[in-house]
PDB file of N, CA and C in Angstrom:
ATOM      1  N   MET A   1      -4.750 -24.705  10.969  1.00  0.00           N
ATOM      2  CA  MET A   1      -4.830 -23.409  11.605  1.00  0.00           C
ATOM      3  C   MET A   1      -4.775 -23.496  13.119  1.00  0.00           C
ATOM      4  N   SER A   2      -4.668 -24.688  13.670  1.00  0.00           N
ATOM      5  CA  SER A   2      -4.578 -24.807  15.123  1.00  0.00           C
ATOM      6  C   SER A   2      -3.296 -24.155  15.624  1.00  0.00           C
ATOM      7  N   LYS A   3      -2.253 -24.163  14.820  1.00  0.00           N
ATOM      8  CA  LYS A   3      -1.007 -23.497  15.197  1.00  0.00           C
ATOM      9  C   LYS A   3      -1.230 -21.995  15.338  1.00  0.00           C
ATOM     10  N   PHE A   4      -2.051 -21.413  14.471  1.00  0.00           N
ATOM     11  CA  PHE A   4      -2.376 -19.993  14.554  1.00  0.00           C
ATOM     12  C   PHE A   4      -3.067 -19.693  15.878  1.00  0.00           C
ATOM     13  N   GLY A   5      -3.980 -20.571  16.285  1.00  0.00           N
ATOM     14  CA  GLY A   5      -4.661 -20.396  17.571  1.00  0.00           C
ATOM     15  C   GLY A   5      -3.685 -20.362  18.733  1.00  0.00           C
ATOM     16  N   GLU A   6      -2.647 -21.180  18.669  1.00  0.00           N
ATOM     17  CA  GLU A   6      -1.620 -21.179  19.713  1.00  0.00           C
ATOM     18  C   GLU A   6      -0.823 -19.880  19.688  1.00  0.00           C
ATOM     19  N   LEU A   7      -0.555 -19.362  18.493  1.00  0.00           N
ATOM     20  CA  LEU A   7       0.207 -18.115  18.359  1.00  0.00           C
ATOM     21  C   LEU A   7      -0.511 -16.928  18.986  1.00  0.00           C
ATOM     22  N   ILE A   8      -1.823 -16.855  18.809  1.00  0.00           N
ATOM     23  CA  ILE A   8      -2.563 -15.674  19.249  1.00  0.00           C
ATOM     24  C   ILE A   8      -3.036 -15.747  20.693  1.00  0.00           C
ATOM     25  N   ASP A   9      -2.966 -16.906  21.299  1.00  0.00           N
ATOM     26  CA  ASP A   9      -3.484 -17.072  22.662  1.00  0.00           C
ATOM     27  C   ASP A   9      -2.410 -16.759  23.696  1.00  0.00           C
ATOM     28  N   VAL A  10      -1.891 -15.530  23.637  1.00  0.00           N
ATOM     29  CA  VAL A  10      -0.856 -15.080  24.573  1.00  0.00           C
ATOM     30  C   VAL A  10      -1.242 -13.711  25.116  1.00  0.00           C
ATOM     31  N   ASP A  11      -0.604 -13.315  26.230  1.00  0.00           N
ATOM     32  CA  ASP A  11      -0.996 -12.057  26.872  1.00  0.00           C
ATOM     33  C   ASP A  11      -0.166 -10.849  26.438  1.00  0.00           C
ATOM     34  N   ILE A  12       0.630 -10.998  25.396  1.00  0.00           N
ATOM     35  CA  ILE A  12       1.307  -9.840  24.816  1.00  0.00           C
ATOM     36  C   ILE A  12       0.722  -9.617  23.417  1.00  0.00           C
ATOM     37  N   PRO A  13       0.766  -8.384  22.916  1.00  0.00           N
ATOM     38  CA  PRO A  13       0.238  -8.161  21.573  1.00  0.00           C
ATOM     39  C   PRO A  13       1.106  -8.824  20.508  1.00  0.00           C
ATOM     40  N   ILE A  14       0.451  -9.420  19.531  1.00  0.00           N
ATOM     41  CA  ILE A  14       1.121 -10.040  18.402  1.00  0.00           C
ATOM     42  C   ILE A  14       0.706  -9.270  17.155  1.00  0.00           C
ATOM     43  N   LEU A  15       1.680  -8.724  16.444  1.00  0.00           N
ATOM     44  CA  LEU A  15       1.414  -8.020  15.194  1.00  0.00           C
ATOM     45  C   LEU A  15       1.713  -8.958  14.040  1.00  0.00           C
ATOM     46  N   PHE A  16       0.700  -9.252  13.263  1.00  0.00           N
ATOM     47  CA  PHE A  16       0.874 -10.081  12.071  1.00  0.00           C
ATOM     48  C   PHE A  16       0.954  -9.176  10.852  1.00  0.00           C
ATOM     49  N   ASP A  17       1.931  -9.452  10.016  1.00  0.00           N
ATOM     50  CA  ASP A  17       2.092  -8.750   8.749  1.00  0.00           C
ATOM     51  C   ASP A  17       1.817  -9.745   7.640  1.00  0.00           C
ATOM     52  N   PHE A  18       0.678  -9.610   6.992  1.00  0.00           N
ATOM     53  CA  PHE A  18       0.347 -10.468   5.856  1.00  0.00           C
ATOM     54  C   PHE A  18       0.915  -9.802   4.613  1.00  0.00           C
ATOM     55  N   TYR A  19       1.802 -10.520   3.925  1.00  0.00           N
ATOM     56  CA  TYR A  19       2.533  -9.927   2.811  1.00  0.00           C
ATOM     57  C   TYR A  19       2.705 -10.934   1.673  1.00  0.00           C
ATOM     58  N   ALA A  20       3.227 -10.426   0.553  1.00  0.00           N
ATOM     59  CA  ALA A  20       3.658 -11.269  -0.562  1.00  0.00           C
ATOM     60  C   ALA A  20       4.918 -10.627  -1.142  1.00  0.00           C
ATOM     61  N   GLU A  21       5.876 -11.450  -1.514  1.00  0.00           N
ATOM     62  CA  GLU A  21       7.145 -10.937  -2.037  1.00  0.00           C
ATOM     63  C   GLU A  21       6.958 -10.141  -3.326  1.00  0.00           C
ATOM     64  N   TRP A  22       5.925 -10.437  -4.091  1.00  0.00           N
ATOM     65  CA  TRP A  22       5.696  -9.734  -5.354  1.00  0.00           C
ATOM     66  C   TRP A  22       5.030  -8.377  -5.165  1.00  0.00           C
ATOM     67  N   ASN A  23       4.633  -8.047  -3.932  1.00  0.00           N
ATOM     68  CA  ASN A  23       3.927  -6.802  -3.645  1.00  0.00           C
ATOM     69  C   ASN A  23       4.914  -5.759  -3.106  1.00  0.00           C
ATOM     70  N   ASP A  24       5.086  -4.664  -3.843  1.00  0.00           N
ATOM     71  CA  ASP A  24       6.069  -3.642  -3.470  1.00  0.00           C
ATOM     72  C   ASP A  24       5.791  -3.008  -2.108  1.00  0.00           C
ATOM     73  N   GLN A  25       4.526  -2.745  -1.797  1.00  0.00           N
ATOM     74  CA  GLN A  25       4.192  -2.165  -0.493  1.00  0.00           C
ATOM     75  C   GLN A  25       4.563  -3.129   0.637  1.00  0.00           C
ATOM     76  N   SER A  26       4.349  -4.408   0.399  1.00  0.00           N
ATOM     77  CA  SER A  26       4.690  -5.424   1.403  1.00  0.00           C
ATOM     78  C   SER A  26       6.184  -5.428   1.674  1.00  0.00           C
ATOM     79  N   THR A  27       6.975  -5.446   0.623  1.00  0.00           N
ATOM     80  CA  THR A  27       8.432  -5.514   0.810  1.00  0.00           C
ATOM     81  C   THR A  27       8.965  -4.221   1.399  1.00  0.00           C
ATOM     82  N   ALA A  28       8.307  -3.099   1.123  1.00  0.00           N
ATOM     83  CA  ALA A  28       8.723  -1.824   1.716  1.00  0.00           C
ATOM     84  C   ALA A  28       8.519  -1.823   3.231  1.00  0.00           C
ATOM     85  N   MET A  29       7.587  -2.621   3.711  1.00  0.00           N
ATOM     86  CA  MET A  29       7.310  -2.681   5.153  1.00  0.00           C
ATOM     87  C   MET A  29       8.317  -3.535   5.922  1.00  0.00           C
ATOM     88  N   HIS A  30       9.071  -4.393   5.255  1.00  0.00           N
ATOM     89  CA  HIS A  30       9.992  -5.289   5.954  1.00  0.00           C
ATOM     90  C   HIS A  30      10.954  -4.542   6.887  1.00  0.00           C
ATOM     91  N   PRO A  31      11.686  -3.517   6.427  1.00  0.00           N
ATOM     92  CA  PRO A  31      12.599  -2.823   7.341  1.00  0.00           C
ATOM     93  C   PRO A  31      11.866  -2.068   8.453  1.00  0.00           C
ATOM     94  N   VAL A  32      10.673  -1.561   8.151  1.00  0.00           N
ATOM     95  CA  VAL A  32       9.866  -0.869   9.165  1.00  0.00           C
ATOM     96  C   VAL A  32       9.515  -1.833  10.294  1.00  0.00           C
ATOM     97  N   LEU A  33       9.086  -3.043   9.931  1.00  0.00           N
ATOM     98  CA  LEU A  33       8.692  -4.019  10.948  1.00  0.00           C
ATOM     99  C   LEU A  33       9.888  -4.546  11.724  1.00  0.00           C
ATOM    100  N   LYS A  34      11.055  -4.598  11.101  1.00  0.00           N
ATOM    101  CA  LYS A  34      12.274  -4.962  11.850  1.00  0.00           C
ATOM    102  C   LYS A  34      12.547  -3.921  12.918  1.00  0.00           C
ATOM    103  N   ASP A  35      12.382  -2.643  12.566  1.00  0.00           N
ATOM    104  CA  ASP A  35      12.576  -1.562  13.540  1.00  0.00           C
ATOM    105  C   ASP A  35      11.563  -1.665  14.677  1.00  0.00           C
ATOM    106  N   VAL A  36      10.316  -1.968  14.345  1.00  0.00           N
ATOM    107  CA  VAL A  36       9.264  -2.117  15.358  1.00  0.00           C
ATOM    108  C   VAL A  36       9.626  -3.251  16.313  1.00  0.00           C
ATOM    109  N   ALA A  37      10.007  -4.393  15.766  1.00  0.00           N
ATOM    110  CA  ALA A  37      10.360  -5.556  16.592  1.00  0.00           C
ATOM    111  C   ALA A  37      11.551  -5.233  17.493  1.00  0.00           C
ATOM    112  N   ALA A  38      12.546  -4.542  16.960  1.00  0.00           N
ATOM    113  CA  ALA A  38      13.734  -4.193  17.752  1.00  0.00           C
ATOM    114  C   ALA A  38      13.374  -3.211  18.863  1.00  0.00           C
ATOM    115  N   ALA A  39      12.524  -2.250  18.571  1.00  0.00           N
ATOM    116  CA  ALA A  39      12.148  -1.238  19.560  1.00  0.00           C
ATOM    117  C   ALA A  39      11.320  -1.822  20.697  1.00  0.00           C
ATOM    118  N   LEU A  40      10.478  -2.803  20.402  1.00  0.00           N
ATOM    119  CA  LEU A  40       9.570  -3.337  21.416  1.00  0.00           C
ATOM    120  C   LEU A  40      10.145  -4.510  22.202  1.00  0.00           C
ATOM    121  N   GLY A  41      11.172  -5.145  21.678  1.00  0.00           N
ATOM    122  CA  GLY A  41      11.779  -6.268  22.390  1.00  0.00           C
ATOM    123  C   GLY A  41      10.756  -7.344  22.701  1.00  0.00           C
ATOM    124  N   ASP A  42      10.678  -7.726  23.981  1.00  0.00           N
ATOM    125  CA  ASP A  42       9.763  -8.812  24.358  1.00  0.00           C
ATOM    126  C   ASP A  42       8.388  -8.316  24.814  1.00  0.00           C
ATOM    127  N   LYS A  43       8.089  -7.030  24.615  1.00  0.00           N
ATOM    128  CA  LYS A  43       6.776  -6.494  24.983  1.00  0.00           C
ATOM    129  C   LYS A  43       5.698  -6.857  23.962  1.00  0.00           C
ATOM    130  N   ALA A  44       6.142  -7.170  22.755  1.00  0.00           N
ATOM    131  CA  ALA A  44       5.222  -7.551  21.680  1.00  0.00           C
ATOM    132  C   ALA A  44       5.985  -8.436  20.711  1.00  0.00           C
ATOM    133  N   LYS A  45       5.255  -9.087  19.830  1.00  0.00           N
ATOM    134  CA  LYS A  45       5.859  -9.969  18.846  1.00  0.00           C
ATOM    135  C   LYS A  45       5.407  -9.543  17.456  1.00  0.00           C
ATOM    136  N   VAL A  46       6.324  -9.606  16.495  1.00  0.00           N
ATOM    137  CA  VAL A  46       5.988  -9.312  15.105  1.00  0.00           C
ATOM    138  C   VAL A  46       6.185 -10.601  14.310  1.00  0.00           C
ATOM    139  N   ILE A  47       5.130 -11.022  13.618  1.00  0.00           N
ATOM    140  CA  ILE A  47       5.178 -12.255  12.838  1.00  0.00           C
ATOM    141  C   ILE A  47       4.753 -11.948  11.418  1.00  0.00           C
ATOM    142  N   LYS A  48       5.603 -12.301  10.472  1.00  0.00           N
ATOM    143  CA  LYS A  48       5.310 -12.094   9.059  1.00  0.00           C
ATOM    144  C   LYS A  48       4.699 -13.373   8.482  1.00  0.00           C
ATOM    145  N   ILE A  49       3.616 -13.203   7.725  1.00  0.00           N
ATOM    146  CA  ILE A  49       2.943 -14.353   7.131  1.00  0.00           C
ATOM    147  C   ILE A  49       2.822 -14.134   5.626  1.00  0.00           C
ATOM    148  N   ASP A  50       3.501 -14.988   4.885  1.00  0.00           N
ATOM    149  CA  ASP A  50       3.469 -14.945   3.424  1.00  0.00           C
ATOM    150  C   ASP A  50       2.143 -15.550   2.960  1.00  0.00           C
ATOM    151  N   ILE A  51       1.325 -14.743   2.294  1.00  0.00           N
ATOM    152  CA  ILE A  51       0.004 -15.244   1.896  1.00  0.00           C
ATOM    153  C   ILE A  51       0.098 -16.329   0.826  1.00  0.00           C
ATOM    154  N   GLU A  52       1.199 -16.361   0.089  1.00  0.00           N
ATOM    155  CA  GLU A  52       1.375 -17.405  -0.923  1.00  0.00           C
ATOM    156  C   GLU A  52       1.528 -18.781  -0.262  1.00  0.00           C
ATOM    157  N   LYS A  53       2.157 -18.815   0.902  1.00  0.00           N
ATOM    158  CA  LYS A  53       2.398 -20.067   1.620  1.00  0.00           C
ATOM    159  C   LYS A  53       1.308 -20.372   2.643  1.00  0.00           C
ATOM    160  N   ASN A  54       0.465 -19.390   2.934  1.00  0.00           N
ATOM    161  CA  ASN A  54      -0.579 -19.534   3.956  1.00  0.00           C
ATOM    162  C   ASN A  54      -1.918 -19.032   3.422  1.00  0.00           C
ATOM    163  N   GLN A  55      -2.276 -19.507   2.242  1.00  0.00           N
ATOM    164  CA  GLN A  55      -3.483 -19.035   1.564  1.00  0.00           C
ATOM    165  C   GLN A  55      -4.755 -19.316   2.372  1.00  0.00           C
ATOM    166  N   GLU A  56      -4.812 -20.466   3.012  1.00  0.00           N
ATOM    167  CA  GLU A  56      -5.999 -20.830   3.789  1.00  0.00           C
ATOM    168  C   GLU A  56      -6.222 -19.843   4.943  1.00  0.00           C
ATOM    169  N   LEU A  57      -5.140 -19.489   5.646  1.00  0.00           N
ATOM    170  CA  LEU A  57      -5.244 -18.531   6.745  1.00  0.00           C
ATOM    171  C   LEU A  57      -5.624 -17.149   6.214  1.00  0.00           C
ATOM    172  N   ALA A  58      -4.990 -16.715   5.134  1.00  0.00           N
ATOM    173  CA  ALA A  58      -5.303 -15.411   4.550  1.00  0.00           C
ATOM    174  C   ALA A  58      -6.772 -15.350   4.134  1.00  0.00           C
ATOM    175  N   ASP A  59      -7.276 -16.423   3.554  1.00  0.00           N
ATOM    176  CA  ASP A  59      -8.687 -16.474   3.161  1.00  0.00           C
ATOM    177  C   ASP A  59      -9.602 -16.432   4.388  1.00  0.00           C
ATOM    178  N   ALA A  60      -9.246 -17.195   5.416  1.00  0.00           N
ATOM    179  CA  ALA A  60     -10.060 -17.249   6.632  1.00  0.00           C
ATOM    180  C   ALA A  60     -10.150 -15.877   7.300  1.00  0.00           C
ATOM    181  N   LEU A  61      -9.072 -15.097   7.214  1.00  0.00           N
ATOM    182  CA  LEU A  61      -9.055 -13.760   7.822  1.00  0.00           C
ATOM    183  C   LEU A  61      -9.455 -12.672   6.834  1.00  0.00           C
ATOM    184  N   ARG A  62      -9.857 -13.094   5.647  1.00  0.00           N
ATOM    185  CA  ARG A  62     -10.313 -12.175   4.595  1.00  0.00           C
ATOM    186  C   ARG A  62      -9.287 -11.092   4.274  1.00  0.00           C
ATOM    187  N   VAL A  63      -8.050 -11.504   4.116  1.00  0.00           N
ATOM    188  CA  VAL A  63      -6.991 -10.572   3.719  1.00  0.00           C
ATOM    189  C   VAL A  63      -7.153 -10.318   2.225  1.00  0.00           C
ATOM    190  N   LYS A  64      -7.503  -9.078   1.889  1.00  0.00           N
ATOM    191  CA  LYS A  64      -7.779  -8.730   0.493  1.00  0.00           C
ATOM    192  C   LYS A  64      -6.709  -7.830  -0.114  1.00  0.00           C
ATOM    193  N   SER A  65      -6.063  -6.992   0.704  1.00  0.00           N
ATOM    194  CA  SER A  65      -5.034  -6.101   0.179  1.00  0.00           C
ATOM    195  C   SER A  65      -3.779  -6.226   1.019  1.00  0.00           C
ATOM    196  N   LEU A  66      -2.666  -5.839   0.423  1.00  0.00           N
ATOM    197  CA  LEU A  66      -1.366  -6.020   1.065  1.00  0.00           C
ATOM    198  C   LEU A  66      -0.626  -4.697   1.177  1.00  0.00           C
ATOM    199  N   PRO A  67       0.156  -4.554   2.230  1.00  0.00           N
ATOM    200  CA  PRO A  67       0.208  -5.435   3.391  1.00  0.00           C
ATOM    201  C   PRO A  67      -1.029  -5.233   4.274  1.00  0.00           C
ATOM    202  N   THR A  68      -1.410  -6.268   4.983  1.00  0.00           N
ATOM    203  CA  THR A  68      -2.456  -6.170   5.995  1.00  0.00           C
ATOM    204  C   THR A  68      -1.806  -6.449   7.341  1.00  0.00           C
ATOM    205  N   LEU A  69      -1.984  -5.522   8.260  1.00  0.00           N
ATOM    206  CA  LEU A  69      -1.440  -5.649   9.606  1.00  0.00           C
ATOM    207  C   LEU A  69      -2.590  -5.926  10.570  1.00  0.00           C
ATOM    208  N   ILE A  70      -2.412  -6.939  11.419  1.00  0.00           N
ATOM    209  CA  ILE A  70      -3.451  -7.314  12.381  1.00  0.00           C
ATOM    210  C   ILE A  70      -2.795  -7.528  13.735  1.00  0.00           C
ATOM    211  N   ILE A  71      -3.407  -6.962  14.778  1.00  0.00           N
ATOM    212  CA  ILE A  71      -2.916  -7.175  16.144  1.00  0.00           C
ATOM    213  C   ILE A  71      -3.898  -8.087  16.874  1.00  0.00           C
ATOM    214  N   TYR A  72      -3.338  -9.134  17.478  1.00  0.00           N
ATOM    215  CA  TYR A  72      -4.095 -10.031  18.349  1.00  0.00           C
ATOM    216  C   TYR A  72      -3.511  -9.955  19.751  1.00  0.00           C
ATOM    217  N   LYS A  73      -4.368 -10.116  20.733  1.00  0.00           N
ATOM    218  CA  LYS A  73      -3.935 -10.256  22.121  1.00  0.00           C
ATOM    219  C   LYS A  73      -4.975 -11.094  22.842  1.00  0.00           C
ATOM    220  N   ASP A  74      -4.516 -12.024  23.664  1.00  0.00           N
ATOM    221  CA  ASP A  74      -5.413 -12.907  24.420  1.00  0.00           C
ATOM    222  C   ASP A  74      -6.409 -13.625  23.503  1.00  0.00           C
ATOM    223  N   GLY A  75      -5.956 -13.991  22.313  1.00  0.00           N
ATOM    224  CA  GLY A  75      -6.781 -14.757  21.398  1.00  0.00           C
ATOM    225  C   GLY A  75      -7.791 -13.963  20.596  1.00  0.00           C
ATOM    226  N   GLU A  76      -7.810 -12.632  20.773  1.00  0.00           N
ATOM    227  CA  GLU A  76      -8.798 -11.798  20.080  1.00  0.00           C
ATOM    228  C   GLU A  76      -8.127 -10.797  19.154  1.00  0.00           C
ATOM    229  N   MET A  77      -8.748 -10.558  17.992  1.00  0.00           N
ATOM    230  CA  MET A  77      -8.265  -9.511  17.107  1.00  0.00           C
ATOM    231  C   MET A  77      -8.603  -8.166  17.740  1.00  0.00           C
ATOM    232  N   LYS A  78      -7.593  -7.325  17.898  1.00  0.00           N
ATOM    233  CA  LYS A  78      -7.788  -6.027  18.545  1.00  0.00           C
ATOM    234  C   LYS A  78      -7.752  -4.868  17.553  1.00  0.00           C
ATOM    235  N   TRP A  79      -7.013  -5.032  16.453  1.00  0.00           N
ATOM    236  CA  TRP A  79      -6.819  -3.936  15.506  1.00  0.00           C
ATOM    237  C   TRP A  79      -6.436  -4.513  14.157  1.00  0.00           C
ATOM    238  N   ARG A  80      -6.815  -3.804  13.087  1.00  0.00           N
ATOM    239  CA  ARG A  80      -6.497  -4.284  11.744  1.00  0.00           C
ATOM    240  C   ARG A  80      -6.459  -3.099  10.796  1.00  0.00           C
ATOM    241  N   GLN A  81      -5.472  -3.113   9.896  1.00  0.00           N
ATOM    242  CA  GLN A  81      -5.390  -2.073   8.876  1.00  0.00           C
ATOM    243  C   GLN A  81      -4.581  -2.585   7.691  1.00  0.00           C
ATOM    244  N   SER A  82      -4.964  -2.165   6.511  1.00  0.00           N
ATOM    245  CA  SER A  82      -4.204  -2.491   5.305  1.00  0.00           C
ATOM    246  C   SER A  82      -3.452  -1.252   4.853  1.00  0.00           C
ATOM    247  N   GLY A  83      -2.279  -1.475   4.259  1.00  0.00           N
ATOM    248  CA  GLY A  83      -1.468  -0.377   3.757  1.00  0.00           C
ATOM    249  C   GLY A  83      -0.227  -0.146   4.591  1.00  0.00           C
ATOM    250  N   GLU A  84       0.617   0.745   4.101  1.00  0.00           N
ATOM    251  CA  GLU A  84       1.876   1.026   4.766  1.00  0.00           C
ATOM    252  C   GLU A  84       1.679   1.999   5.923  1.00  0.00           C
ATOM    253  N   LEU A  85       2.425   1.769   6.988  1.00  0.00           N
ATOM    254  CA  LEU A  85       2.465   2.670   8.139  1.00  0.00           C
ATOM    255  C   LEU A  85       3.912   2.830   8.564  1.00  0.00           C
ATOM    256  N   GLY A  86       4.228   3.930   9.238  1.00  0.00           N
ATOM    257  CA  GLY A  86       5.574   4.147   9.754  1.00  0.00           C
ATOM    258  C   GLY A  86       5.789   3.389  11.056  1.00  0.00           C
ATOM    259  N   ALA A  87       7.053   3.179  11.389  1.00  0.00           N
ATOM    260  CA  ALA A  87       7.409   2.431  12.605  1.00  0.00           C
ATOM    261  C   ALA A  87       6.840   3.088  13.854  1.00  0.00           C
ATOM    262  N   ASN A  88       6.960   4.411  13.979  1.00  0.00           N
ATOM    263  CA  ASN A  88       6.469   5.091  15.179  1.00  0.00           C
ATOM    264  C   ASN A  88       4.956   4.966  15.325  1.00  0.00           C
ATOM    265  N   THR A  89       4.248   4.999  14.215  1.00  0.00           N
ATOM    266  CA  THR A  89       2.793   4.833  14.244  1.00  0.00           C
ATOM    267  C   THR A  89       2.431   3.436  14.744  1.00  0.00           C
ATOM    268  N   ILE A  90       3.106   2.425  14.203  1.00  0.00           N
ATOM    269  CA  ILE A  90       2.830   1.038  14.604  1.00  0.00           C
ATOM    270  C   ILE A  90       3.167   0.824  16.075  1.00  0.00           C
ATOM    271  N   ILE A  91       4.298   1.363  16.517  1.00  0.00           N
ATOM    272  CA  ILE A  91       4.700   1.228  17.923  1.00  0.00           C
ATOM    273  C   ILE A  91       3.647   1.871  18.821  1.00  0.00           C
ATOM    274  N   GLY A  92       3.178   3.054  18.453  1.00  0.00           N
ATOM    275  CA  GLY A  92       2.153   3.747  19.237  1.00  0.00           C
ATOM    276  C   GLY A  92       0.878   2.924  19.347  1.00  0.00           C
ATOM    277  N   ILE A  93       0.469   2.313  18.248  1.00  0.00           N
ATOM    278  CA  ILE A  93      -0.745   1.477  18.258  1.00  0.00           C
ATOM    279  C   ILE A  93      -0.531   0.257  19.163  1.00  0.00           C
ATOM    280  N   LEU A  94       0.607  -0.402  19.027  1.00  0.00           N
ATOM    281  CA  LEU A  94       0.887  -1.588  19.848  1.00  0.00           C
ATOM    282  C   LEU A  94       0.929  -1.236  21.336  1.00  0.00           C
ATOM    283  N   GLN A  95       1.425  -0.062  21.685  1.00  0.00           N
ATOM    284  CA  GLN A  95       1.529   0.318  23.090  1.00  0.00           C
ATOM    285  C   GLN A  95       0.169   0.398  23.771  1.00  0.00           C
ATOM    286  N   ASP A  96      -0.868   0.616  22.996  1.00  0.00           N
ATOM    287  CA  ASP A  96      -2.226   0.630  23.561  1.00  0.00           C
ATOM    288  C   ASP A  96      -2.641  -0.734  24.103  1.00  0.00           C
ATOM    289  N   TYR A  97      -1.922  -1.785  23.698  1.00  0.00           N
ATOM    290  CA  TYR A  97      -2.308  -3.152  24.080  1.00  0.00           C
ATOM    291  C   TYR A  97      -1.334  -3.815  25.050  1.00  0.00           C
ATOM    292  N   PHE A  98      -0.399  -3.048  25.603  1.00  0.00           N
ATOM    293  CA  PHE A  98       0.535  -3.620  26.585  1.00  0.00           C
ATOM    294  C   PHE A  98      -0.189  -3.897  27.881  1.00  0.00           C
TER     295      PHE A  98
END
């Protein structure tokens, strides 16, 4: 998990999407998050984390439902929510952390 620490220790907001391919809500969020990443460019980063391949991290962060979206900035968790959200809603939330 030291790599995760390096990922979150930056001064731009990082949006993590914890997902699983077998979860319909998770896969429905994929195009939404592509739109978010395209709209924000280098102001924020969107990183998708497959819980099947990163079970230890998902357990450490207590990810219980999918999708779970978490924003980190400067090494700290700033926001967290489970469930689907629209691109404009996510962009608005991320803008609070620019």
